[in-house]
Amino acid sequence: MPTSAFLGEWEQLVLLAILRQRDAAYVIGLRSHLTGVMGRTPSRGALYRTLDRLEEKVKLLVSVVAQLRREHAKVLDENSRLMHELDHMRARLAENEVTGSELSALREERDLIRARVSEMLEQLDAI
């Protein structure tokens, strides 16, 4: 396991050498290129250890990216579910607003009927 997720200067030099060598990035070619860049020849052991560390870091990076993709998919599913729930709540709210206005109209009608009944009772009492 790499001790740090960050790349050191030596690791960066090796990566740049790999990028420059592309498909021909073998240890012999890398050592030759690094010798030209650094002015001294790196040992094979140092180069192999560096390649092993880089491999571990790449594996770690790939696992982090995979985890982020899984979390992203989970968040998208949750977002979709919440949007559906929000649409459902908005529909219920619209229904309740209609029901509320109908209820207000019925209350007004009830109050009007009560007022008329009260008037009729008063007229009956007057007779």
N, C-alpha and C. Protein backbone atom coordinates (compact mmCIF):
# COMPACT_ATOMS: atom_id res chain seq x y z
N MET A 1 0.84 -1.18 0.00
CA MET A 1 0.00 0.00 0.00
C MET A 1 0.88 1.24 0.00
N PRO A 2 0.60 2.19 -0.86
CA PRO A 2 1.43 3.39 -0.89
C PRO A 2 1.26 4.19 0.39
N THR A 3 2.38 4.81 0.81
CA THR A 3 2.32 5.61 2.02
C THR A 3 1.64 6.94 1.77
N SER A 4 1.67 7.41 0.54
CA SER A 4 1.06 8.69 0.21
C SER A 4 0.39 8.59 -1.16
N ALA A 5 -0.74 9.25 -1.28
CA ALA A 5 -1.43 9.25 -2.56
C ALA A 5 -0.80 10.26 -3.51
N PHE A 6 0.06 11.14 -2.97
CA PHE A 6 0.70 12.15 -3.80
C PHE A 6 1.94 11.57 -4.46
N LEU A 7 2.29 12.12 -5.60
CA LEU A 7 3.47 11.68 -6.32
C LEU A 7 4.68 12.51 -5.92
N GLY A 8 5.77 11.82 -5.63
CA GLY A 8 7.01 12.51 -5.37
C GLY A 8 7.68 12.93 -6.66
N GLU A 9 8.77 13.68 -6.53
CA GLU A 9 9.47 14.18 -7.71
C GLU A 9 10.00 13.02 -8.56
N TRP A 10 10.57 12.01 -7.92
CA TRP A 10 11.10 10.86 -8.65
C TRP A 10 9.99 10.12 -9.39
N GLU A 11 8.87 9.94 -8.73
CA GLU A 11 7.73 9.27 -9.37
C GLU A 11 7.22 10.08 -10.56
N GLN A 12 7.22 11.39 -10.42
CA GLN A 12 6.81 12.24 -11.54
C GLN A 12 7.77 12.11 -12.72
N LEU A 13 9.08 12.06 -12.43
CA LEU A 13 10.06 11.88 -13.50
C LEU A 13 9.85 10.55 -14.22
N VAL A 14 9.58 9.49 -13.45
CA VAL A 14 9.36 8.18 -14.05
C VAL A 14 8.09 8.21 -14.90
N LEU A 15 7.02 8.81 -14.39
CA LEU A 15 5.78 8.90 -15.18
C LEU A 15 5.98 9.68 -16.47
N LEU A 16 6.69 10.78 -16.39
CA LEU A 16 6.96 11.57 -17.60
C LEU A 16 7.80 10.77 -18.60
N ALA A 17 8.75 10.00 -18.09
CA ALA A 17 9.55 9.15 -18.97
C ALA A 17 8.67 8.10 -19.64
N ILE A 18 7.74 7.52 -18.88
CA ILE A 18 6.82 6.53 -19.45
C ILE A 18 5.96 7.17 -20.53
N LEU A 19 5.47 8.37 -20.26
CA LEU A 19 4.64 9.07 -21.25
C LEU A 19 5.43 9.37 -22.52
N ARG A 20 6.68 9.74 -22.36
CA ARG A 20 7.49 10.05 -23.54
C ARG A 20 7.85 8.79 -24.33
N GLN A 21 8.06 7.69 -23.62
CA GLN A 21 8.44 6.44 -24.28
C GLN A 21 7.23 5.74 -24.88
N ARG A 22 6.05 6.01 -24.35
CA ARG A 22 4.78 5.41 -24.80
C ARG A 22 4.86 3.89 -24.83
N ASP A 23 4.65 3.29 -25.99
CA ASP A 23 4.61 1.83 -26.10
C ASP A 23 5.97 1.18 -25.90
N ALA A 24 7.03 1.95 -25.99
CA ALA A 24 8.38 1.40 -25.81
C ALA A 24 8.90 1.67 -24.41
N ALA A 25 8.01 1.83 -23.44
CA ALA A 25 8.41 2.18 -22.07
C ALA A 25 8.82 0.94 -21.29
N TYR A 26 10.00 0.42 -21.60
CA TYR A 26 10.57 -0.70 -20.86
C TYR A 26 11.65 -0.15 -19.95
N VAL A 27 12.05 -0.96 -18.97
CA VAL A 27 13.00 -0.49 -17.96
C VAL A 27 14.29 0.03 -18.59
N ILE A 28 14.81 -0.67 -19.58
CA ILE A 28 16.08 -0.24 -20.20
C ILE A 28 15.90 1.14 -20.85
N GLY A 29 14.82 1.31 -21.59
CA GLY A 29 14.57 2.61 -22.23
C GLY A 29 14.29 3.70 -21.21
N LEU A 30 13.58 3.36 -20.15
CA LEU A 30 13.29 4.34 -19.10
C LEU A 30 14.58 4.77 -18.41
N ARG A 31 15.45 3.80 -18.09
CA ARG A 31 16.73 4.13 -17.44
C ARG A 31 17.55 5.05 -18.34
N SER A 32 17.56 4.74 -19.61
CA SER A 32 18.33 5.56 -20.55
C SER A 32 17.77 6.98 -20.60
N HIS A 33 16.47 7.09 -20.69
CA HIS A 33 15.83 8.42 -20.75
C HIS A 33 16.08 9.19 -19.45
N LEU A 34 15.91 8.52 -18.31
CA LEU A 34 16.10 9.18 -17.02
C LEU A 34 17.56 9.59 -16.82
N THR A 35 18.47 8.80 -17.35
CA THR A 35 19.89 9.16 -17.27
C THR A 35 20.13 10.47 -18.01
N GLY A 36 19.53 10.60 -19.17
CA GLY A 36 19.67 11.83 -19.94
C GLY A 36 19.05 13.02 -19.23
N VAL A 37 17.92 12.82 -18.54
CA VAL A 37 17.23 13.91 -17.86
C VAL A 37 17.95 14.30 -16.57
N MET A 38 18.36 13.29 -15.80
CA MET A 38 18.92 13.54 -14.47
C MET A 38 20.44 13.73 -14.49
N GLY A 39 21.09 13.20 -15.49
CA GLY A 39 22.54 13.29 -15.52
C GLY A 39 23.21 12.17 -14.74
N ARG A 40 22.45 11.23 -14.23
CA ARG A 40 23.00 10.05 -13.54
C ARG A 40 22.08 8.88 -13.82
N THR A 41 22.60 7.68 -13.71
CA THR A 41 21.85 6.47 -14.04
C THR A 41 21.15 5.94 -12.80
N PRO A 42 19.82 5.84 -12.83
CA PRO A 42 19.10 5.26 -11.68
C PRO A 42 19.30 3.74 -11.65
N SER A 43 19.30 3.18 -10.47
CA SER A 43 19.44 1.72 -10.37
C SER A 43 18.14 1.06 -10.82
N ARG A 44 18.28 -0.19 -11.28
CA ARG A 44 17.09 -0.93 -11.70
C ARG A 44 16.15 -1.14 -10.52
N GLY A 45 16.73 -1.43 -9.37
CA GLY A 45 15.92 -1.66 -8.17
C GLY A 45 15.07 -0.44 -7.82
N ALA A 46 15.69 0.75 -7.88
CA ALA A 46 14.94 1.98 -7.59
C ALA A 46 13.82 2.16 -8.60
N LEU A 47 14.11 1.86 -9.85
CA LEU A 47 13.11 2.01 -10.89
C LEU A 47 11.95 1.02 -10.71
N TYR A 48 12.30 -0.25 -10.40
CA TYR A 48 11.26 -1.26 -10.18
C TYR A 48 10.40 -0.93 -8.94
N ARG A 49 11.05 -0.48 -7.86
CA ARG A 49 10.29 -0.11 -6.65
C ARG A 49 9.34 1.06 -6.96
N THR A 50 9.84 2.00 -7.74
CA THR A 50 9.01 3.14 -8.13
C THR A 50 7.83 2.69 -8.98
N LEU A 51 8.10 1.80 -9.92
CA LEU A 51 7.01 1.28 -10.75
C LEU A 51 5.97 0.53 -9.90
N ASP A 52 6.45 -0.22 -8.90
CA ASP A 52 5.52 -0.92 -8.00
C ASP A 52 4.68 0.08 -7.21
N ARG A 53 5.31 1.14 -6.70
CA ARG A 53 4.55 2.16 -5.96
C ARG A 53 3.53 2.84 -6.87
N LEU A 54 3.94 3.15 -8.08
CA LEU A 54 3.02 3.78 -9.04
C LEU A 54 1.85 2.86 -9.35
N GLU A 55 2.13 1.57 -9.48
CA GLU A 55 1.07 0.61 -9.74
C GLU A 55 0.07 0.59 -8.58
N GLU A 56 0.58 0.59 -7.35
CA GLU A 56 -0.30 0.62 -6.18
C GLU A 56 -1.13 1.90 -6.16
N LYS A 57 -0.51 3.00 -6.48
CA LYS A 57 -1.23 4.28 -6.48
C LYS A 57 -2.30 4.30 -7.57
N VAL A 58 -2.00 3.73 -8.71
CA VAL A 58 -2.99 3.67 -9.79
C VAL A 58 -4.15 2.77 -9.37
N LYS A 59 -3.83 1.63 -8.73
CA LYS A 59 -4.90 0.74 -8.24
C LYS A 59 -5.77 1.47 -7.23
N LEU A 60 -5.12 2.22 -6.32
CA LEU A 60 -5.89 3.00 -5.34
C LEU A 60 -6.77 4.02 -6.05
N LEU A 61 -6.22 4.70 -7.03
CA LEU A 61 -6.98 5.70 -7.78
C LEU A 61 -8.17 5.07 -8.50
N VAL A 62 -7.95 3.91 -9.10
CA VAL A 62 -9.02 3.21 -9.80
C VAL A 62 -10.12 2.81 -8.82
N SER A 63 -9.73 2.34 -7.63
CA SER A 63 -10.75 1.96 -6.64
C SER A 63 -11.52 3.18 -6.15
N VAL A 64 -10.84 4.31 -6.00
CA VAL A 64 -11.52 5.54 -5.59
C VAL A 64 -12.51 5.98 -6.66
N VAL A 65 -12.09 5.91 -7.92
CA VAL A 65 -12.97 6.30 -9.02
C VAL A 65 -14.19 5.37 -9.08
N ALA A 66 -13.95 4.06 -8.88
CA ALA A 66 -15.06 3.10 -8.89
C ALA A 66 -16.03 3.40 -7.75
N GLN A 67 -15.49 3.71 -6.57
CA GLN A 67 -16.34 4.05 -5.43
C GLN A 67 -17.14 5.32 -5.71
N LEU A 68 -16.50 6.31 -6.30
CA LEU A 68 -17.20 7.55 -6.63
C LEU A 68 -18.31 7.30 -7.65
N ARG A 69 -18.05 6.41 -8.61
CA ARG A 69 -19.10 6.09 -9.58
C ARG A 69 -20.28 5.41 -8.91
N ARG A 70 -19.99 4.48 -7.99
CA ARG A 70 -21.08 3.80 -7.27
C ARG A 70 -21.89 4.81 -6.46
N GLU A 71 -21.18 5.69 -5.76
CA GLU A 71 -21.87 6.71 -4.97
C GLU A 71 -22.67 7.65 -5.86
N HIS A 72 -22.12 8.00 -7.01
CA HIS A 72 -22.82 8.88 -7.95
C HIS A 72 -24.11 8.22 -8.44
N ALA A 73 -24.01 6.93 -8.78
CA ALA A 73 -25.20 6.20 -9.24
C ALA A 73 -26.24 6.14 -8.12
N LYS A 74 -25.79 5.93 -6.90
CA LYS A 74 -26.71 5.89 -5.75
C LYS A 74 -27.39 7.24 -5.56
N VAL A 75 -26.62 8.30 -5.67
CA VAL A 75 -27.18 9.65 -5.52
C VAL A 75 -28.17 9.95 -6.64
N LEU A 76 -27.86 9.52 -7.85
CA LEU A 76 -28.79 9.73 -8.96
C LEU A 76 -30.10 9.00 -8.73
N ASP A 77 -30.02 7.76 -8.22
CA ASP A 77 -31.24 7.01 -7.92
C ASP A 77 -32.05 7.70 -6.83
N GLU A 78 -31.35 8.16 -5.79
CA GLU A 78 -32.03 8.86 -4.69
C GLU A 78 -32.65 10.16 -5.19
N ASN A 79 -31.93 10.87 -6.05
CA ASN A 79 -32.46 12.11 -6.62
C ASN A 79 -33.71 11.85 -7.44
N SER A 80 -33.69 10.79 -8.23
CA SER A 80 -34.85 10.43 -9.05
C SER A 80 -36.04 10.09 -8.15
N ARG A 81 -35.78 9.32 -7.10
CA ARG A 81 -36.85 8.97 -6.16
C ARG A 81 -37.43 10.21 -5.49
N LEU A 82 -36.55 11.13 -5.07
CA LEU A 82 -37.02 12.35 -4.41
C LEU A 82 -37.79 13.25 -5.38
N MET A 83 -37.36 13.31 -6.65
CA MET A 83 -38.10 14.11 -7.63
C MET A 83 -39.50 13.54 -7.84
N HIS A 84 -39.60 12.21 -7.89
CA HIS A 84 -40.91 11.57 -8.04
C HIS A 84 -41.78 11.87 -6.81
N GLU A 85 -41.19 11.79 -5.64
CA GLU A 85 -41.92 12.09 -4.41
C GLU A 85 -42.36 13.56 -4.39
N LEU A 86 -41.49 14.45 -4.84
CA LEU A 86 -41.83 15.88 -4.90
C LEU A 86 -42.99 16.13 -5.85
N ASP A 87 -42.96 15.49 -7.02
CA ASP A 87 -44.07 15.63 -7.97
C ASP A 87 -45.37 15.14 -7.36
N HIS A 88 -45.29 14.00 -6.65
CA HIS A 88 -46.48 13.45 -5.99
C HIS A 88 -47.01 14.43 -4.94
N MET A 89 -46.12 15.02 -4.16
CA MET A 89 -46.54 15.99 -3.13
C MET A 89 -47.15 17.24 -3.75
N ARG A 90 -46.58 17.68 -4.86
CA ARG A 90 -47.15 18.85 -5.54
C ARG A 90 -48.56 18.55 -6.04
N ALA A 91 -48.77 17.35 -6.56
CA ALA A 91 -50.10 16.96 -7.02
C ALA A 91 -51.08 16.93 -5.85
N ARG A 92 -50.63 16.38 -4.73
CA ARG A 92 -51.50 16.34 -3.54
C ARG A 92 -51.82 17.76 -3.05
N LEU A 93 -50.83 18.64 -3.09
CA LEU A 93 -51.04 20.02 -2.67
C LEU A 93 -52.07 20.69 -3.57
N ALA A 94 -51.97 20.47 -4.88
CA ALA A 94 -52.94 21.05 -5.81
C ALA A 94 -54.34 20.52 -5.52
N GLU A 95 -54.46 19.21 -5.25
CA GLU A 95 -55.76 18.63 -4.90
C GLU A 95 -56.30 19.26 -3.62
N ASN A 96 -55.42 19.45 -2.64
CA ASN A 96 -55.86 20.03 -1.37
C ASN A 96 -56.28 21.48 -1.52
N GLU A 97 -55.62 22.21 -2.41
CA GLU A 97 -56.03 23.59 -2.65
C GLU A 97 -57.43 23.64 -3.25
N VAL A 98 -57.71 22.73 -4.20
CA VAL A 98 -59.05 22.67 -4.79
C VAL A 98 -60.05 22.28 -3.72
N THR A 99 -59.70 21.27 -2.92
CA THR A 99 -60.60 20.81 -1.86
C THR A 99 -60.82 21.93 -0.85
N GLY A 100 -59.76 22.69 -0.55
CA GLY A 100 -59.88 23.80 0.40
C GLY A 100 -60.81 24.88 -0.12
N SER A 101 -60.72 25.19 -1.41
CA SER A 101 -61.61 26.22 -1.96
C SER A 101 -63.05 25.71 -1.99
N GLU A 102 -63.24 24.41 -2.29
CA GLU A 102 -64.59 23.83 -2.24
C GLU A 102 -65.14 23.88 -0.82
N LEU A 103 -64.28 23.59 0.15
CA LEU A 103 -64.70 23.61 1.54
C LEU A 103 -65.10 25.03 1.96
N SER A 104 -64.34 26.02 1.52
CA SER A 104 -64.68 27.42 1.84
C SER A 104 -66.02 27.79 1.24
N ALA A 105 -66.27 27.36 0.00
CA ALA A 105 -67.54 27.66 -0.65
C ALA A 105 -68.69 26.99 0.11
N LEU A 106 -68.50 25.76 0.55
CA LEU A 106 -69.54 25.07 1.32
C LEU A 106 -69.80 25.75 2.66
N ARG A 107 -68.75 26.24 3.30
CA ARG A 107 -68.93 26.96 4.58
C ARG A 107 -69.72 28.25 4.37
N GLU A 108 -69.39 28.97 3.30
CA GLU A 108 -70.14 30.20 3.00
C GLU A 108 -71.61 29.88 2.75
N GLU A 109 -71.85 28.81 1.99
CA GLU A 109 -73.23 28.40 1.71
C GLU A 109 -73.95 28.01 3.00
N ARG A 110 -73.25 27.30 3.90
CA ARG A 110 -73.83 26.91 5.18
C ARG A 110 -74.20 28.14 6.00
N ASP A 111 -73.29 29.14 6.03
CA ASP A 111 -73.57 30.36 6.79
C ASP A 111 -74.77 31.11 6.20
N LEU A 112 -74.87 31.11 4.87
CA LEU A 112 -76.02 31.75 4.22
C LEU A 112 -77.32 31.04 4.59
N ILE A 113 -77.29 29.71 4.57
CA ILE A 113 -78.49 28.93 4.93
C ILE A 113 -78.86 29.19 6.38
N ARG A 114 -77.87 29.23 7.27
CA ARG A 114 -78.14 29.52 8.69
C ARG A 114 -78.80 30.89 8.85
N ALA A 115 -78.27 31.86 8.09
CA ALA A 115 -78.84 33.20 8.19
C ALA A 115 -80.29 33.20 7.72
N ARG A 116 -80.59 32.50 6.62
CA ARG A 116 -81.97 32.44 6.13
C ARG A 116 -82.87 31.71 7.11
N VAL A 117 -82.38 30.61 7.67
CA VAL A 117 -83.18 29.86 8.65
C VAL A 117 -83.46 30.74 9.86
N SER A 118 -82.45 31.50 10.30
CA SER A 118 -82.66 32.41 11.44
C SER A 118 -83.72 33.45 11.12
N GLU A 119 -83.69 34.00 9.91
CA GLU A 119 -84.70 34.98 9.50
C GLU A 119 -86.08 34.35 9.50
N MET A 120 -86.19 33.13 8.95
CA MET A 120 -87.49 32.45 8.91
C MET A 120 -88.01 32.18 10.32
N LEU A 121 -87.10 31.78 11.23
CA LEU A 121 -87.53 31.52 12.61
C LEU A 121 -88.01 32.81 13.28
N GLU A 122 -87.34 33.90 12.98
CA GLU A 122 -87.75 35.18 13.54
C GLU A 122 -89.14 35.58 12.99
N GLN A 123 -89.36 35.33 11.69
CA GLN A 123 -90.67 35.64 11.11
C GLN A 123 -91.74 34.77 11.72
N LEU A 124 -91.43 33.49 11.99
CA LEU A 124 -92.41 32.60 12.61
C LEU A 124 -92.71 33.05 14.03
N ASP A 125 -91.68 33.49 14.72
CA ASP A 125 -91.89 33.98 16.09
C ASP A 125 -92.76 35.26 16.09
N ALA A 126 -92.62 36.05 15.04
CA ALA A 126 -93.39 37.28 14.97
C ALA A 126 -94.87 37.00 14.69
N ILE A 127 -95.19 35.89 14.14
CA ILE A 127 -96.58 35.56 13.78
C ILE A 127 -97.35 35.11 14.96
